[in-house]
N, C-alpha and C. Protein backbone atom coordinates (compact mmCIF):
# COMPACT_ATOMS: atom_id res chain seq x y z
N MET A 1 -155.72 13.01 105.68
CA MET A 1 -155.26 12.05 104.44
C MET A 1 -154.17 12.47 103.81
N ASP A 2 -153.95 13.64 103.51
CA ASP A 2 -152.69 14.31 103.09
C ASP A 2 -151.48 14.05 103.68
N GLN A 3 -151.50 14.27 105.19
CA GLN A 3 -150.50 13.80 105.77
C GLN A 3 -149.91 12.24 105.76
N PHE A 4 -151.03 11.43 105.59
CA PHE A 4 -150.65 10.27 105.38
C PHE A 4 -149.94 9.96 104.11
N ILE A 5 -150.39 10.20 102.96
CA ILE A 5 -149.88 10.28 101.75
C ILE A 5 -148.30 10.75 101.84
N ILE A 6 -148.09 12.07 102.44
CA ILE A 6 -146.84 12.41 102.45
C ILE A 6 -145.84 11.79 103.23
N ILE A 7 -146.35 10.83 104.27
CA ILE A 7 -145.63 10.08 104.91
C ILE A 7 -145.09 8.75 104.19
N LEU A 8 -146.07 8.18 103.65
CA LEU A 8 -145.80 7.13 102.76
C LEU A 8 -145.01 7.39 101.46
N THR A 9 -144.73 8.50 100.97
CA THR A 9 -144.26 8.99 99.85
C THR A 9 -142.84 9.19 100.54
N LYS A 10 -142.22 9.18 101.51
CA LYS A 10 -141.09 9.70 101.84
C LYS A 10 -139.92 8.66 101.46
N PRO A 11 -138.67 8.99 101.41
CA PRO A 11 -138.08 7.72 100.66
C PRO A 11 -137.56 6.72 101.55
N ASP A 12 -137.78 6.92 102.93
CA ASP A 12 -137.64 5.76 103.90
C ASP A 12 -138.65 5.17 103.86
N ASN A 13 -139.71 5.15 103.56
CA ASN A 13 -140.89 4.38 103.62
C ASN A 13 -141.35 3.52 102.46
N ILE A 14 -140.58 3.91 100.91
CA ILE A 14 -140.87 3.50 99.79
C ILE A 14 -140.64 1.81 100.01
N PRO A 15 -139.20 1.45 100.59
CA PRO A 15 -139.06 0.10 100.55
C PRO A 15 -140.29 -0.64 101.50
N ILE A 16 -140.74 -0.04 102.51
CA ILE A 16 -141.60 -0.78 103.27
C ILE A 16 -142.97 -1.10 102.44
N ILE A 17 -143.35 0.09 101.72
CA ILE A 17 -144.56 0.19 100.87
C ILE A 17 -144.47 -1.09 99.92
N MET A 18 -143.27 -1.55 98.99
CA MET A 18 -142.96 -2.40 98.12
C MET A 18 -142.96 -3.70 98.82
N LEU A 19 -142.42 -3.69 100.01
CA LEU A 19 -142.32 -5.27 100.78
C LEU A 19 -143.73 -5.61 101.22
N LEU A 20 -144.73 -4.73 101.37
CA LEU A 20 -146.27 -4.76 101.80
C LEU A 20 -147.10 -5.21 100.29
N ILE A 21 -146.70 -4.48 99.45
CA ILE A 21 -147.16 -4.86 98.13
C ILE A 21 -146.89 -6.53 97.68
N SER A 22 -145.47 -6.74 97.89
CA SER A 22 -144.73 -8.21 97.58
C SER A 22 -145.64 -9.07 98.31
N VAL A 23 -145.73 -8.98 99.66
CA VAL A 23 -146.18 -9.78 100.61
C VAL A 23 -147.66 -9.92 99.97
N VAL A 24 -148.42 -9.15 99.74
CA VAL A 24 -149.88 -9.35 99.22
C VAL A 24 -149.91 -10.02 98.05
N ILE A 25 -149.02 -9.95 96.94
CA ILE A 25 -148.99 -10.76 95.66
C ILE A 25 -148.70 -12.12 96.07
N CYS A 26 -147.50 -12.33 96.67
CA CYS A 26 -147.39 -13.90 97.18
C CYS A 26 -148.45 -14.52 97.66
N LEU A 27 -148.82 -13.88 98.83
CA LEU A 27 -150.13 -14.22 99.43
C LEU A 27 -151.21 -14.73 98.82
N TYR A 28 -151.60 -13.73 97.50
CA TYR A 28 -152.56 -14.12 96.73
C TYR A 28 -152.45 -15.55 95.63
N VAL A 29 -150.94 -15.60 95.16
CA VAL A 29 -150.69 -16.65 94.60
C VAL A 29 -150.53 -17.92 95.17
N ALA A 30 -150.18 -17.99 96.40
CA ALA A 30 -150.06 -19.24 97.28
C ALA A 30 -151.50 -19.23 97.54
N LEU A 31 -152.43 -18.55 98.02
CA LEU A 31 -153.84 -19.17 98.12
C LEU A 31 -154.75 -19.51 96.92
N LYS A 32 -154.16 -19.06 95.73
CA LYS A 32 -154.84 -19.36 94.36
C LYS A 32 -154.44 -21.00 94.02
N GLN A 33 -153.25 -21.15 94.29
CA GLN A 33 -152.95 -22.50 94.24
C GLN A 33 -153.33 -23.40 95.32
N ALA A 34 -153.56 -23.26 96.55
CA ALA A 34 -153.82 -23.85 97.60
C ALA A 34 -155.15 -24.29 97.34
N PHE A 35 -155.95 -23.47 96.85
CA PHE A 35 -157.66 -23.60 96.53
C PHE A 35 -157.74 -24.44 95.25
N LYS A 36 -156.69 -24.37 94.11
CA LYS A 36 -156.69 -25.02 93.35
C LYS A 36 -156.21 -26.44 93.68
N HIS A 37 -155.44 -26.72 94.48
CA HIS A 37 -154.95 -28.06 94.85
C HIS A 37 -156.05 -28.81 95.57
N ASP A 38 -157.05 -28.20 96.57
CA ASP A 38 -158.11 -28.44 97.33
C ASP A 38 -158.82 -29.06 96.40
N ARG A 39 -159.24 -28.31 95.30
CA ARG A 39 -160.35 -28.71 94.39
C ARG A 39 -159.94 -30.06 93.74
N LEU A 40 -158.52 -30.19 93.23
CA LEU A 40 -157.97 -31.53 92.93
C LEU A 40 -158.37 -32.59 93.70
N ILE A 41 -157.67 -32.26 95.00
CA ILE A 41 -158.06 -33.44 96.08
C ILE A 41 -159.66 -33.81 96.52
N GLU A 42 -160.52 -33.11 96.30
CA GLU A 42 -161.88 -33.00 96.39
C GLU A 42 -162.39 -33.95 95.22
N GLU A 43 -161.79 -33.97 93.90
CA GLU A 43 -162.22 -34.38 92.78
C GLU A 43 -161.38 -36.03 92.64
N GLY A 44 -160.74 -36.22 93.70
CA GLY A 44 -160.05 -37.55 93.66
C GLY A 44 -158.91 -37.44 92.97
N ARG A 45 -158.09 -36.33 92.37
CA ARG A 45 -157.13 -36.31 91.41
C ARG A 45 -155.96 -36.11 92.21
N GLU A 46 -155.50 -36.56 93.29
CA GLU A 46 -154.17 -36.05 94.28
C GLU A 46 -153.06 -36.15 93.39
N ASP A 47 -152.97 -37.24 92.33
CA ASP A 47 -151.89 -37.35 91.77
C ASP A 47 -151.32 -36.19 90.69
N GLU A 48 -152.35 -35.49 90.30
CA GLU A 48 -152.11 -34.41 89.45
C GLU A 48 -151.56 -33.08 89.96
N ILE A 49 -151.50 -33.16 91.63
CA ILE A 49 -150.90 -32.19 92.22
C ILE A 49 -149.50 -32.05 91.93
N TYR A 50 -148.93 -32.67 92.00
CA TYR A 50 -147.30 -32.73 91.76
C TYR A 50 -147.01 -32.27 90.47
N GLU A 51 -147.95 -32.76 89.30
CA GLU A 51 -147.65 -32.31 87.95
C GLU A 51 -148.08 -30.65 87.82
N GLU A 52 -149.12 -30.16 88.62
CA GLU A 52 -149.13 -28.82 88.78
C GLU A 52 -148.06 -27.92 89.31
N MET A 53 -147.50 -28.58 90.15
CA MET A 53 -146.66 -27.83 91.10
C MET A 53 -145.16 -27.60 90.17
N ILE A 54 -144.94 -28.49 89.45
CA ILE A 54 -143.70 -28.66 88.54
C ILE A 54 -143.98 -27.67 86.97
N LYS A 55 -145.22 -27.51 87.11
CA LYS A 55 -145.47 -26.75 85.59
C LYS A 55 -144.44 -25.19 85.48
């Protein structure tokens, strides 16, 4: 485990770690919005999806 942390904290690998973290955050936000839109569709309020998107 110590070697793994040493490899992760090398300057060459820092951008890769930041990229992975940003991908996870963007994926979380996208899935959160998708589930919200799916719930609106199930409730029959498809017209409100566009209004939610432009907020």
